Protein backbone atom coordinates (compact mmCIF):
# COMPACT_ATOMS: atom_id res chain seq x y z
CA MET A 1 108.45 62.87 2.85
CA PHE A 2 104.47 62.70 4.09
CA ASN A 3 102.30 59.57 2.91
CA THR A 4 98.80 61.20 3.66
CA SER A 5 97.46 58.66 2.17
CA VAL A 6 98.75 55.82 4.88
CA MET A 7 95.94 54.76 7.43
CA PHE A 8 97.16 54.53 11.19
CA GLU A 9 95.30 54.64 14.34
CA GLU A 10 94.66 56.85 16.74
CA GLU A 11 96.43 54.81 19.72
CA THR A 12 100.05 55.18 18.18
CA LEU A 13 99.92 58.59 17.83
CA PRO A 14 102.42 60.54 20.48
CA SER A 15 100.31 62.57 23.35
CA ILE A 16 101.67 65.54 25.06
CA ASP A 17 102.16 64.54 29.10
CA VAL A 18 104.15 66.59 31.55
CA SER A 19 105.92 65.21 34.51
CA PRO A 20 104.34 65.92 37.76
CA GLU A 21 107.68 66.10 39.52
CA PHE A 22 110.97 68.13 38.97
CA SER A 23 112.93 66.51 37.12
CA THR A 24 116.89 66.87 35.38
CA PRO A 25 118.00 66.58 32.14
CA SER A 26 120.24 63.47 32.13
CA PHE A 27 124.44 64.11 31.45
CA GLY A 28 125.94 62.33 28.46
CA PHE A 29 125.55 61.68 24.33
CA ASP A 30 123.28 58.93 24.52
CA GLY A 31 120.28 59.90 22.33
CA VAL A 32 122.74 61.32 19.50
CA ASP A 33 122.84 58.98 16.63
CA ILE A 34 125.36 60.42 14.61
CA PRO A 35 129.16 59.63 14.07
CA ALA A 36 131.06 61.47 17.19
CA TRP A 37 133.91 63.06 14.30
CA LEU A 38 130.54 64.17 12.10
CA MET A 39 129.13 66.06 15.30
CA VAL A 40 132.15 67.88 16.28
CA LEU A 41 132.82 68.50 12.51
CA VAL A 42 129.31 70.38 12.74
CA LEU A 43 130.03 72.08 15.49
CA LEU A 44 133.40 73.71 14.40
CA ALA A 45 131.72 74.75 11.46
CA VAL A 46 128.79 76.42 13.40
CA VAL A 47 131.35 78.30 16.03
CA ALA A 48 133.16 79.33 12.71
CA ILE A 49 130.18 80.91 11.03
CA ILE A 50 129.33 82.57 14.13
CA VAL A 51 132.36 84.14 14.95
CA ALA A 52 133.31 85.10 11.34
CA PRO A 53 131.44 87.98 11.01
CA ILE A 54 131.88 89.03 14.60
CA VAL A 55 135.62 89.40 13.74
CA ILE A 56 134.87 91.20 10.41
CA TYR A 57 131.83 93.63 12.30
CA SER A 58 134.39 94.62 14.78
CA ILE A 59 137.60 94.79 12.44
CA LEU A 60 135.30 97.34 10.30
CA GLN A 61 133.83 98.94 13.15
CA THR A 62 137.49 99.70 14.35
CA LYS A 63 138.76 101.27 10.74
CA ARG A 64 135.49 103.63 10.75
CA THR A 65 135.51 104.79 13.87
CA GLY A 66 138.83 103.88 15.53
CA GLU A 67 136.83 102.26 18.50
CA LYS A 68 138.55 98.63 19.52
CA PHE A 69 136.45 95.61 20.48
CA ALA A 70 138.21 94.06 24.19
CA PHE A 71 137.11 91.40 26.00
CA THR A 72 138.34 92.16 28.93
CA THR A 73 139.09 90.14 32.49
CA LYS A 74 135.82 91.73 33.92
CA ASP A 75 134.08 90.77 30.76
CA LEU A 76 135.14 87.08 31.50
CA VAL A 77 134.04 86.90 34.87
CA TYR A 78 130.78 88.58 34.58
CA GLY A 79 130.06 86.34 31.95
CA ALA A 80 131.30 83.05 33.48
CA VAL A 81 129.06 83.82 36.86
CA CYS A 82 125.84 83.85 34.06
CA LEU A 83 126.55 81.10 32.17
CA ALA A 84 126.93 79.21 35.07
CA MET A 85 123.70 80.59 36.36
CA SER A 86 121.67 79.73 33.29
CA TYR A 87 123.50 76.24 33.17
CA VAL A 88 122.31 74.84 36.72
CA LEU A 89 119.46 76.92 36.27
CA SER A 90 118.43 74.81 33.13
CA PHE A 91 119.11 71.39 34.83
CA ILE A 92 115.87 72.28 37.14
CA GLY A 93 112.55 72.27 35.40
CA ILE A 94 109.18 70.64 34.76
CA SER A 95 110.02 67.84 31.82
CA LEU A 96 107.83 66.55 28.63
CA ASN A 97 107.61 63.34 27.64
CA LEU A 98 108.60 63.91 24.42
CA GLY A 99 111.73 66.21 24.64
CA GLY A 100 111.66 69.80 26.18
CA THR A 101 111.81 71.45 29.82
CA ILE A 102 110.15 74.29 30.80
CA THR A 103 112.71 75.81 33.06
CA PHE A 104 112.51 78.98 35.94
CA ALA A 105 113.97 81.59 33.88
CA SER A 106 117.39 79.61 33.14
CA ILE A 107 117.58 82.05 30.00
CA LEU A 108 117.33 85.20 32.51
CA PRO A 109 121.50 85.31 33.43
CA VAL A 110 122.78 84.79 30.10
CA THR A 111 120.36 87.51 28.26
CA VAL A 112 121.16 90.13 30.83
CA TYR A 113 124.46 89.51 30.50
CA CYS A 114 124.03 90.09 26.19
CA TYR A 115 121.75 93.52 27.08
CA TYR A 116 124.09 94.87 29.39
CA PHE A 117 127.39 93.95 27.91
CA GLY A 118 126.38 93.93 24.69
CA PHE A 119 125.62 91.60 21.35
CA ARG A 120 129.23 90.96 20.47
CA LYS A 121 130.44 89.46 24.00
CA GLY A 122 127.07 88.19 24.47
CA ALA A 123 127.58 86.14 21.30
CA ILE A 124 130.83 84.22 22.88
CA ILE A 125 128.87 83.19 26.44
CA CYS A 126 125.54 82.23 24.48
CA THR A 127 127.58 80.15 22.00
CA ALA A 128 129.61 78.62 25.14
CA PHE A 129 125.91 78.01 26.30
CA MET A 130 125.08 76.16 23.38
CA LEU A 131 127.98 74.01 23.67
CA LEU A 132 127.11 73.69 27.49
CA GLN A 133 123.19 72.55 26.49
CA LEU A 134 124.49 69.58 23.93
CA THR A 135 125.90 68.03 27.09
CA GLN A 136 122.41 67.52 28.56
CA GLY A 137 121.36 64.17 27.02
CA PRO A 138 120.78 65.96 23.68
CA TYR A 139 118.77 63.92 21.14
CA ILE A 140 120.24 64.32 18.11
CA VAL A 141 119.13 62.29 14.56
CA SER A 142 121.42 64.62 12.23
CA PRO A 143 123.66 67.44 11.63
CA TRP A 144 120.00 69.25 10.54
CA SER A 145 117.97 68.41 13.66
CA MET A 146 121.17 69.25 15.63
CA LEU A 147 121.01 72.93 14.27
CA LEU A 148 117.57 73.25 15.01
CA ASP A 149 116.74 72.19 18.01
CA TYR A 150 120.15 73.65 19.60
CA VAL A 151 122.65 75.29 17.71
CA ILE A 152 120.10 78.29 16.40
CA PRO A 153 118.03 78.13 19.51
CA TYR A 154 120.68 78.80 21.94
CA PHE A 155 122.57 81.19 20.01
CA SER A 156 119.49 83.36 19.06
CA LEU A 157 119.86 84.36 22.79
CA SER A 158 122.46 86.59 21.89
CA LEU A 159 120.07 89.16 20.23
CA ALA A 160 119.02 90.19 23.80
CA GLY A 161 122.13 92.37 22.93
CA ALA A 162 121.21 93.71 19.73
CA PHE A 163 119.88 96.56 21.33
CA ALA A 164 121.91 96.87 24.40
CA TYR A 165 121.95 98.94 27.32
CA ASN A 166 121.66 103.08 26.94
CA PRO A 167 123.35 105.14 28.82
CA ALA A 168 122.19 108.08 27.71
CA LYS A 169 118.43 106.60 27.44
CA HIS A 170 118.48 105.21 30.91
CA LYS A 171 119.99 108.58 32.43
CA THR A 172 116.99 110.30 30.66
CA ALA A 173 114.09 107.55 32.18
CA THR A 174 115.18 108.36 35.91
CA GLY A 175 116.36 111.65 35.38
CA SER A 176 113.07 112.74 34.28
CA LYS A 177 111.23 110.89 37.16
CA ARG A 178 109.92 107.87 35.03
CA PHE A 179 109.72 104.22 35.38
CA ALA A 180 113.06 103.14 34.91
CA LEU A 181 112.10 100.28 33.74
CA LEU A 182 111.23 101.36 30.31
CA SER A 183 114.93 102.37 29.48
CA HIS A 184 115.18 99.09 29.13
CA TYR A 185 112.59 98.02 26.48
CA GLY A 186 115.58 97.26 23.79
CA TYR A 187 116.41 94.04 26.51
CA TYR A 188 112.11 93.17 25.31
CA ILE A 189 112.95 93.88 21.79
CA GLY A 190 115.46 91.41 21.38
CA LEU A 191 113.68 88.61 23.84
CA THR A 192 110.88 88.86 21.24
CA ILE A 193 112.90 88.09 18.57
CA TYR A 194 114.42 85.56 19.96
CA ILE A 195 111.52 83.66 20.88
CA ILE A 196 109.95 84.00 17.14
CA ILE A 197 113.07 82.16 16.02
CA ARG A 198 113.50 79.41 18.46
CA TYR A 199 109.93 78.49 18.20
CA THR A 200 110.07 78.93 14.54
CA SER A 201 112.96 76.65 15.25
CA HIS A 202 111.92 73.94 16.90
CA ILE A 203 108.53 73.80 15.14
CA LEU A 204 110.82 73.67 11.72
CA SER A 205 112.35 70.50 13.27
CA GLY A 206 109.06 68.82 14.43
CA ILE A 207 107.99 68.93 11.05
CA ILE A 208 110.94 67.74 9.13
CA PHE A 209 111.91 64.83 11.62
CA TRP A 210 108.67 63.42 12.42
CA ASP A 211 108.72 60.58 10.57
CA LEU A 212 112.36 59.72 11.76
CA TRP A 213 110.65 60.15 15.47
CA TYR A 214 107.24 58.87 15.15
CA GLY A 215 106.41 57.30 11.94
CA PRO A 216 103.96 58.27 9.04
CA ALA A 217 100.86 61.19 10.02
CA PRO A 218 99.05 63.18 7.89
CA ILE A 219 100.49 66.67 7.27
CA GLY A 220 97.94 68.70 8.90
CA TYR A 221 98.12 66.83 12.39
CA VAL A 222 102.24 66.63 11.88
CA VAL A 223 101.90 70.64 11.63
CA GLY A 224 99.60 71.07 14.23
CA PHE A 225 101.49 68.79 16.34
CA SER A 226 104.50 70.54 16.32
CA PHE A 227 103.06 73.96 16.81
CA GLY A 228 101.43 72.79 19.79
CA TYR A 229 103.86 70.79 21.52
CA ASN A 230 106.50 72.95 20.83
CA SER A 231 104.63 76.01 22.29
CA PHE A 232 106.40 75.04 25.63
CA CYS A 233 109.33 77.14 25.40
CA LEU A 234 106.78 79.93 25.04
CA ILE A 235 106.22 78.96 28.49
CA ASP A 236 109.65 79.23 29.61
CA TRP A 237 110.57 82.36 27.73
CA ALA A 238 107.00 84.12 29.31
CA ILE A 239 108.77 82.94 32.67
CA ALA A 240 112.02 84.26 31.83
CA VAL A 241 109.81 88.13 30.93
CA ALA A 242 108.55 87.65 34.22
CA ALA A 243 111.45 87.58 36.63
CA SER A 244 113.15 90.12 34.11
CA LEU A 245 110.36 92.58 34.65
CA ALA A 246 111.23 92.23 38.66
CA LEU A 247 114.45 92.58 38.53
CA LEU A 248 115.02 95.43 35.86
CA SER A 249 112.34 97.25 37.99
CA SER A 250 114.99 96.28 41.19
CA LYS A 251 116.02 100.04 42.28
CA THR A 252 118.97 97.51 43.79
CA PHE A 253 119.84 95.41 40.84
CA ASP A 254 119.42 99.06 38.31
CA LYS A 255 122.29 100.83 40.65
CA LEU A 256 124.63 97.77 40.55
CA MET A 257 124.68 97.34 36.55
CA VAL A 258 124.28 101.27 36.06
CA ASP A 259 127.59 101.41 38.44
CA VAL A 260 129.07 97.72 36.05
CA SER A 261 128.25 99.66 33.11
CA ALA A 262 129.55 102.65 33.80
CA ALA A 263 132.91 101.15 35.38
CA ASN A 264 132.84 98.84 32.01
CA ARG A 265 133.26 101.87 29.58
CA ARG A 266 135.76 103.49 31.26
CA ALA A 267 137.90 101.01 31.30
CA PRO A 268 138.45 101.10 27.39
CA ALA A 269 139.32 104.55 27.69
CA ALA A 270 141.61 104.45 30.11
CA SER A 271 143.80 101.65 28.43
CA ASP A 272 143.72 103.83 25.12
CA ALA A 273 144.89 107.01 26.97
CA ASN A 274 147.82 107.00 24.60
CA GLU A 275 145.79 106.97 21.72
CA GLN A 276 143.92 110.49 22.48
CA SER A 277 142.89 112.59 19.53
CA ALA A 278 144.18 116.31 18.90
CA ASP A 279 141.46 117.51 21.08
CA GLY A 280 142.22 114.98 23.72
CA SER A 281 138.76 112.81 23.80
CA VAL A 282 139.29 109.19 23.33
CA ALA A 283 136.81 106.30 21.34
CA SER A 284 134.65 104.69 23.06
CA GLU A 285 133.72 100.83 22.87
CA THR A 286 130.11 99.95 20.73
CA ASP A 287 129.52 96.73 21.73
CA GLY A 288 125.33 96.89 21.13
CA LEU A 289 124.45 96.93 17.33
CA ALA A 290 121.48 99.47 17.28
CA HIS A 291 123.57 102.00 18.80
CA SER A 292 127.22 103.51 20.17
CA ASP A 293 127.44 103.92 23.92
CA SER A 294 129.52 106.88 24.86
CA GLY A 295 132.23 105.98 26.70
CA ALA A 296 132.00 109.88 28.51
CA GLU A 297 129.03 108.86 30.61
CA ASP A 298 129.16 108.91 34.32
CA HIS A 299 125.97 107.84 35.91
CA LYS A 300 126.42 108.19 39.13
């Protein structure tokens, strides 16, 4: 794909430039170079691929433990609020001349939702967020570039819920007077996995589609430039991590989310009151991938 023997002038190579002013991404599909029907078809296929494992996992989990997965009205309301906040924040940032924006913690609301409500519910919200991102002046030259630049990076945000909030660990941390932030280490593990996937995906996109955007160049320059340019997402991630440290260490926010999480876990138990076992216990709902949360926990 790359012809390293082709001579090129240094001034024709792209350069990284950061706009000195705030900018907002344009709304529309002017940068999409593939037919509309193909884009819709790919999106439907992607959504199906995302939904299928979640449905299968939920069915197997229900058969194995009797735990039921439910996306309640309260889950939807909190998810919609977090989704709206992330979408609005994604319109505000510092734009680079060749695409990409360094936002001010736009991923924070949806990742916090994923962390407290679990991977499966978070995957639904992140899928919606990914679809919304495709309305912000996307630059798509093929279905593969759409997958690498939009679908994979934004859906991987749901991994913040892979190690979801654990009431028992939180209670242990706060009960022993340790710093409560230590109980949220799963959130930062998920964020770390997310940025590795996103950064890798952007780098691959830059290498694979370089010829379509800029023309022939030595492979070494292409790889190096893709690594350097796409590091903007590392800055975006670092800002979100810094903001999350302040947020999750706040006693007010911590108490709010503890109460919300406790109420969210009591709701399924109340709705399944008629399905108690012989000893009177009620199965709780499991939202995360890394552990099962007890519905009987009371965090007052």
